Amino acid sequence: MTKLLIRYGEIALKGDWVRRKFQDKLVANIQDYFLHERVQCMMRSERGRIFLDTDEIARASEILSRIFGVTSFSIVETTSSSMRDVARLAAEQFGTKLGRGTSFAVRARRSGNHKYTSPELASYVGSAMQSAFEDLAVDLSNPDVEIFIEVRGKEAYVFGGRTLGPGGMPLGTQGTVLATVSSHEGVAGAWLMMKRGCKVHVAHFDQQEKVEPLKKWDVRLKTHRLDDASKLDSIVEETGSQGFVTVWQERNRSLPSKNIPVFYPTIGLTEKELDDLLRKIGS
């Protein structure tokens, strides 16, 4: 199986108890998405990282790119934390990319106790690559090839780059809200609340086609059809929503009468920023 190293961002800034809770939720969300897409995988997690093994790397990468809480992920090869083993693996993985006159850089980082520092590891691997391949130039600013190494405890992971995820917080860690979608801007508002970790229920006026893109980002998305705004209160109560999400243009219409916070997440976006966001969402 191919191994993926998955990173998260904001979760790592939390206290230990909250961090563990949010990391567990992210792991559960990843498992749920893979189950929904019928992609087999094996997972384990440790502080700051999640590791996933799968035989369906293309589909796995597509799924991870739309899971909130994932900041980035990389396809990695694994070896021991021995500098010699790391250098050997780097040469095996990158040898075909390092022709005469190629510039390269080694980016190394560590977590745990080792007999070497991160700069020492990078220097050792860089020297080994120059010994193994002719006419290589070190360029730390704008190299042709970057070799990334992450050492965690007794294991080292070697990879050539990273794919970005959506970032944000894991779905379901920040409460439940109800969002109305009557326009593409409403879709963007609902998505932004998802990114902040809210479990979003979507109400729409017989505009299911506008809601469809959001189902890629929450495979358990619940939608509610509205005949008129009078149903909003009952939906808020039914879903246990703690907030309401809409767009500024709708502020005097389609609001629940219940005393809950109202959010306008798109209010500060320019037209270009909104268009860029909608393209990302797939709307």
Protein backbone atom coordinates (compact mmCIF):
# COMPACT_ATOMS: atom_id res chain seq x y z
CA MET A 1 0.00 0.00 0.00
CA THR A 2 1.05 3.59 -0.62
CA LYS A 3 1.40 5.79 2.43
CA LEU A 4 0.02 9.31 2.71
CA LEU A 5 1.17 11.73 5.40
CA ILE A 6 -1.66 14.11 6.33
CA ARG A 7 -1.14 17.45 8.08
CA TYR A 8 -3.50 19.72 9.96
CA GLY A 9 -3.05 23.33 11.04
CA GLU A 10 -5.19 25.13 13.62
CA ILE A 11 -5.88 21.98 15.61
CA ALA A 12 -2.24 21.85 16.67
CA LEU A 13 -2.60 25.23 18.42
CA LYS A 14 -5.22 23.94 20.86
CA GLY A 15 -4.59 22.62 24.36
CA ASP A 16 -3.88 18.92 24.69
CA TRP A 17 -7.44 17.82 25.53
CA VAL A 18 -9.07 19.89 22.78
CA ARG A 19 -6.36 18.98 20.27
CA ARG A 20 -6.89 15.26 20.87
CA LYS A 21 -10.67 15.69 20.59
CA PHE A 22 -10.42 17.63 17.31
CA GLN A 23 -7.80 15.28 15.88
CA ASP A 24 -10.01 12.30 16.69
CA LYS A 25 -12.90 14.05 14.94
CA LEU A 26 -10.75 14.69 11.87
CA VAL A 27 -9.71 11.02 11.77
CA ALA A 28 -13.38 9.99 12.10
CA ASN A 29 -14.35 12.35 9.27
CA ILE A 30 -11.64 10.96 6.99
CA GLN A 31 -12.78 7.41 7.73
CA ASP A 32 -16.39 8.42 7.04
CA TYR A 33 -15.53 10.02 3.67
CA PHE A 34 -13.50 7.01 2.58
CA LEU A 35 -16.31 4.66 3.67
CA HIS A 36 -18.85 6.75 1.76
CA GLU A 37 -16.64 6.67 -1.37
CA ARG A 38 -15.93 2.94 -0.87
CA VAL A 39 -12.18 3.43 -0.85
CA GLN A 40 -10.31 1.07 1.44
CA CYS A 41 -7.65 2.47 3.74
CA MET A 42 -5.80 1.92 6.99
CA MET A 43 -5.10 4.82 9.32
CA ARG A 44 -3.14 5.76 12.39
CA SER A 45 -2.46 9.09 14.02
CA GLU A 46 0.05 10.71 16.30
CA ARG A 47 0.49 14.24 17.52
CA GLY A 48 0.54 16.57 14.55
CA ARG A 49 0.20 13.96 11.82
CA ILE A 50 -2.19 11.37 10.43
CA PHE A 51 -0.97 8.46 8.30
CA LEU A 52 -3.14 6.70 5.74
CA ASP A 53 -2.32 3.62 3.68
CA THR A 54 -4.29 2.84 0.53
CA ASP A 55 -4.00 1.14 -2.86
CA GLU A 56 -6.22 3.78 -4.51
CA ILE A 57 -3.94 6.78 -4.38
CA ALA A 58 -5.68 8.94 -7.00
CA ARG A 59 -9.11 8.60 -5.42
CA ALA A 60 -7.65 9.01 -1.94
CA SER A 61 -5.94 12.25 -2.95
CA GLU A 62 -9.17 13.60 -4.41
CA ILE A 63 -11.07 12.80 -1.22
CA LEU A 64 -8.47 14.35 1.09
CA SER A 65 -8.46 17.55 -0.97
CA ARG A 66 -12.04 18.25 0.18
CA ILE A 67 -11.93 17.28 3.87
CA PHE A 68 -12.01 20.30 6.16
CA GLY A 69 -9.20 20.30 8.70
CA VAL A 70 -6.66 18.84 6.26
CA THR A 71 -4.11 21.53 5.40
CA SER A 72 -1.95 19.37 3.13
CA PHE A 73 -0.86 15.81 2.42
CA SER A 74 2.04 14.05 0.73
CA ILE A 75 2.74 10.66 -0.81
CA VAL A 76 5.73 9.42 1.18
CA GLU A 77 8.26 6.62 1.26
CA THR A 78 9.33 5.33 4.65
CA THR A 79 12.64 4.24 6.14
CA SER A 80 14.43 4.30 9.50
CA SER A 81 15.64 7.54 11.07
CA SER A 82 19.28 6.61 10.35
CA MET A 83 20.88 9.34 8.25
CA ARG A 84 22.44 6.68 6.02
CA ASP A 85 19.05 5.06 5.37
CA VAL A 86 17.43 8.43 4.69
CA ALA A 87 20.16 9.35 2.20
CA ARG A 88 19.85 5.97 0.47
CA LEU A 89 16.09 6.32 0.12
CA ALA A 90 16.40 9.89 -1.17
CA ALA A 91 18.84 8.72 -3.86
CA GLU A 92 16.47 5.90 -4.87
CA GLN A 93 13.45 8.16 -5.06
CA PHE A 94 14.98 11.18 -6.77
CA GLY A 95 17.78 9.69 -8.86
CA THR A 96 15.78 9.80 -12.10
CA LYS A 97 15.02 13.50 -11.59
CA LEU A 98 18.61 14.59 -10.99
CA GLY A 99 20.36 14.92 -14.33
CA ARG A 100 23.56 16.84 -15.06
CA GLY A 101 23.29 20.49 -14.10
CA THR A 102 20.14 19.98 -12.01
CA SER A 103 19.82 22.18 -8.95
CA PHE A 104 18.28 20.75 -5.81
CA ALA A 105 17.53 21.48 -2.17
CA VAL A 106 16.96 19.24 0.83
CA ARG A 107 14.31 20.39 3.33
CA ALA A 108 14.50 18.42 6.58
CA ARG A 109 12.63 18.59 9.86
CA ARG A 110 12.51 16.36 12.93
CA SER A 111 10.25 15.46 15.82
CA GLY A 112 11.74 13.48 18.70
CA ASN A 113 15.24 12.85 20.01
CA HIS A 114 18.01 12.18 17.51
CA LYS A 115 21.79 12.43 17.39
CA TYR A 116 21.59 15.02 14.65
CA THR A 117 19.84 18.32 14.01
CA SER A 118 17.58 19.07 11.05
CA PRO A 119 20.29 21.16 9.30
CA GLU A 120 22.83 18.38 9.87
CA LEU A 121 20.48 15.85 8.29
CA ALA A 122 19.83 18.12 5.31
CA SER A 123 23.57 18.69 4.84
CA TYR A 124 24.34 14.96 5.08
CA VAL A 125 21.70 13.99 2.53
CA GLY A 126 22.71 16.82 0.23
CA SER A 127 26.36 15.74 0.31
CA ALA A 128 25.34 12.12 -0.33
CA MET A 129 23.30 13.18 -3.36
CA GLN A 130 26.20 15.17 -4.80
CA SER A 131 28.49 12.17 -4.31
CA ALA A 132 26.02 9.81 -6.01
CA PHE A 133 25.11 12.02 -8.98
CA GLU A 134 27.35 14.18 -11.13
CA ASP A 135 27.18 17.97 -11.54
CA LEU A 136 24.44 18.69 -9.04
CA ALA A 137 24.13 22.24 -7.72
CA VAL A 138 22.61 23.19 -4.39
CA ASP A 139 20.08 25.99 -4.69
CA LEU A 140 18.05 26.70 -1.57
CA SER A 141 16.08 29.57 -3.13
CA ASN A 142 14.79 28.27 -6.46
CA PRO A 143 15.85 24.65 -7.02
CA ASP A 144 14.76 22.43 -9.89
CA VAL A 145 14.09 19.60 -7.43
CA GLU A 146 13.14 19.73 -3.75
CA ILE A 147 13.67 16.74 -1.48
CA PHE A 148 11.56 16.83 1.67
CA ILE A 149 12.40 14.73 4.71
CA GLU A 150 10.38 14.44 7.88
CA VAL A 151 11.80 12.39 10.74
CA ARG A 152 9.41 11.38 13.50
CA GLY A 153 10.85 9.18 16.21
CA LYS A 154 12.41 6.07 14.71
CA GLU A 155 10.93 6.57 11.25
CA ALA A 156 11.71 8.95 8.40
CA TYR A 157 9.47 9.97 5.52
CA VAL A 158 10.85 11.15 2.19
CA PHE A 159 8.68 12.95 -0.35
CA GLY A 160 8.76 15.42 -3.20
CA GLY A 161 6.05 17.91 -2.34
CA ARG A 162 2.60 18.37 -0.92
CA THR A 163 -0.99 18.76 -2.08
CA LEU A 164 -3.09 21.38 -0.36
CA GLY A 165 -6.30 20.56 1.46
CA PRO A 166 -9.04 23.07 2.30
CA GLY A 167 -7.70 23.73 5.81
CA GLY A 168 -10.02 25.08 8.47
CA MET A 169 -11.47 22.98 11.27
CA PRO A 170 -12.97 19.47 11.09
CA LEU A 171 -16.68 19.35 10.36
CA GLY A 172 -18.73 18.96 13.49
CA THR A 173 -16.34 20.58 15.97
CA GLN A 174 -18.01 24.01 16.13
CA GLY A 175 -21.73 23.49 16.56
CA THR A 176 -24.70 23.36 14.18
CA VAL A 177 -26.08 26.14 11.98
CA LEU A 178 -28.83 26.50 9.40
CA ALA A 179 -27.94 28.23 6.11
CA THR A 180 -30.34 29.43 3.45
CA VAL A 181 -29.20 29.01 -0.14
CA SER A 182 -31.06 31.04 -2.75
CA SER A 183 -28.00 32.18 -4.72
CA HIS A 184 -24.42 31.20 -5.46
CA GLU A 185 -23.32 33.61 -2.73
CA GLY A 186 -25.43 31.61 -0.31
CA VAL A 187 -23.52 28.49 -1.36
CA ALA A 188 -20.26 30.27 -0.59
CA GLY A 189 -21.57 31.37 2.83
CA ALA A 190 -22.57 27.82 3.76
CA TRP A 191 -19.15 26.52 2.61
CA LEU A 192 -17.29 29.09 4.69
CA MET A 193 -19.18 28.01 7.81
CA MET A 194 -18.34 24.39 7.01
CA LYS A 195 -14.69 25.38 6.81
CA ARG A 196 -14.92 26.83 10.31
CA GLY A 197 -16.04 23.42 11.56
CA CYS A 198 -19.80 23.97 11.75
CA LYS A 199 -22.25 21.23 10.91
CA VAL A 200 -24.36 23.04 8.33
CA HIS A 201 -27.96 22.24 7.44
CA VAL A 202 -29.09 23.86 4.19
CA ALA A 203 -32.56 25.28 3.50
CA HIS A 204 -33.47 26.21 -0.07
CA PHE A 205 -36.46 27.36 -2.09
CA ASP A 206 -36.68 24.44 -4.53
CA GLN A 207 -33.12 25.11 -5.73
CA GLN A 208 -31.53 21.73 -5.14
CA GLU A 209 -29.15 22.20 -8.08
CA LYS A 210 -27.45 25.09 -6.26
CA VAL A 211 -26.96 22.94 -3.17
CA GLU A 212 -25.44 19.94 -4.98
CA PRO A 213 -21.79 21.21 -5.01
CA LEU A 214 -21.83 21.35 -1.20
CA LYS A 215 -22.39 17.59 -1.01
CA LYS A 216 -18.81 17.01 -2.14
CA TRP A 217 -17.64 18.82 0.99
CA ASP A 218 -20.04 17.19 3.43
CA VAL A 219 -21.05 13.70 2.36
CA ARG A 220 -23.74 13.68 5.09
CA LEU A 221 -25.20 17.08 4.18
CA LYS A 222 -28.84 17.53 5.21
CA THR A 223 -31.04 19.74 3.04
CA HIS A 224 -34.50 21.15 3.70
CA ARG A 225 -36.90 22.45 1.05
CA LEU A 226 -38.69 25.69 1.87
CA ASP A 227 -42.07 26.80 0.54
CA ASP A 228 -41.80 30.07 2.40
CA ALA A 229 -39.68 31.58 5.18
CA SER A 230 -42.23 30.68 7.85
CA LYS A 231 -40.77 27.16 8.03
CA LEU A 232 -37.35 28.43 9.16
CA ASP A 233 -38.26 28.43 12.85
CA SER A 234 -39.38 24.81 12.80
CA ILE A 235 -36.22 23.76 10.90
CA VAL A 236 -34.04 25.63 13.40
CA GLU A 237 -35.75 23.77 16.23
CA GLU A 238 -35.72 20.42 14.45
CA THR A 239 -31.99 20.59 13.66
CA GLY A 240 -30.91 22.14 16.96
CA SER A 241 -29.22 24.95 15.05
CA GLN A 242 -27.32 27.43 17.19
CA GLY A 243 -26.96 30.03 14.45
CA PHE A 244 -28.37 31.13 11.13
CA VAL A 245 -26.35 31.81 7.97
CA THR A 246 -27.44 34.01 5.10
CA VAL A 247 -26.19 36.77 2.78
CA TRP A 248 -26.37 40.48 3.46
CA GLN A 249 -28.85 41.11 0.65
CA GLU A 250 -31.33 38.79 2.41
CA ARG A 251 -31.03 40.41 5.84
CA ASN A 252 -34.56 41.85 5.78
CA ARG A 253 -36.12 38.70 4.35
CA SER A 254 -35.94 34.99 5.12
CA LEU A 255 -34.79 35.27 8.73
CA PRO A 256 -35.99 33.05 11.57
CA SER A 257 -37.84 34.78 14.37
CA LYS A 258 -35.96 32.79 17.00
CA ASN A 259 -33.32 34.68 18.95
CA ILE A 260 -30.16 33.07 17.56
CA PRO A 261 -27.02 34.66 16.09
CA VAL A 262 -27.12 35.52 12.38
CA PHE A 263 -23.91 35.19 10.34
CA TYR A 264 -23.02 36.85 7.03
CA PRO A 265 -19.73 35.07 6.15
CA THR A 266 -19.45 36.50 2.62
CA ILE A 267 -19.97 40.12 3.59
CA GLY A 268 -16.31 41.12 3.22
CA LEU A 269 -15.61 39.35 -0.08
CA THR A 270 -14.96 41.22 -3.30
CA GLU A 271 -16.66 40.02 -6.46
CA LYS A 272 -13.40 38.44 -7.64
CA GLU A 273 -12.83 36.71 -4.29
CA LEU A 274 -16.38 35.35 -4.41
CA ASP A 275 -15.92 34.08 -7.98
CA ASP A 276 -12.61 32.42 -7.04
CA LEU A 277 -14.24 30.77 -4.03
CA LEU A 278 -17.18 29.48 -6.06
CA ARG A 279 -14.79 27.93 -8.58
CA LYS A 280 -13.05 26.16 -5.72
CA ILE A 281 -16.35 24.91 -4.34
CA GLY A 282 -17.40 23.71 -7.78
CA SER A 283 -20.46 25.89 -7.96
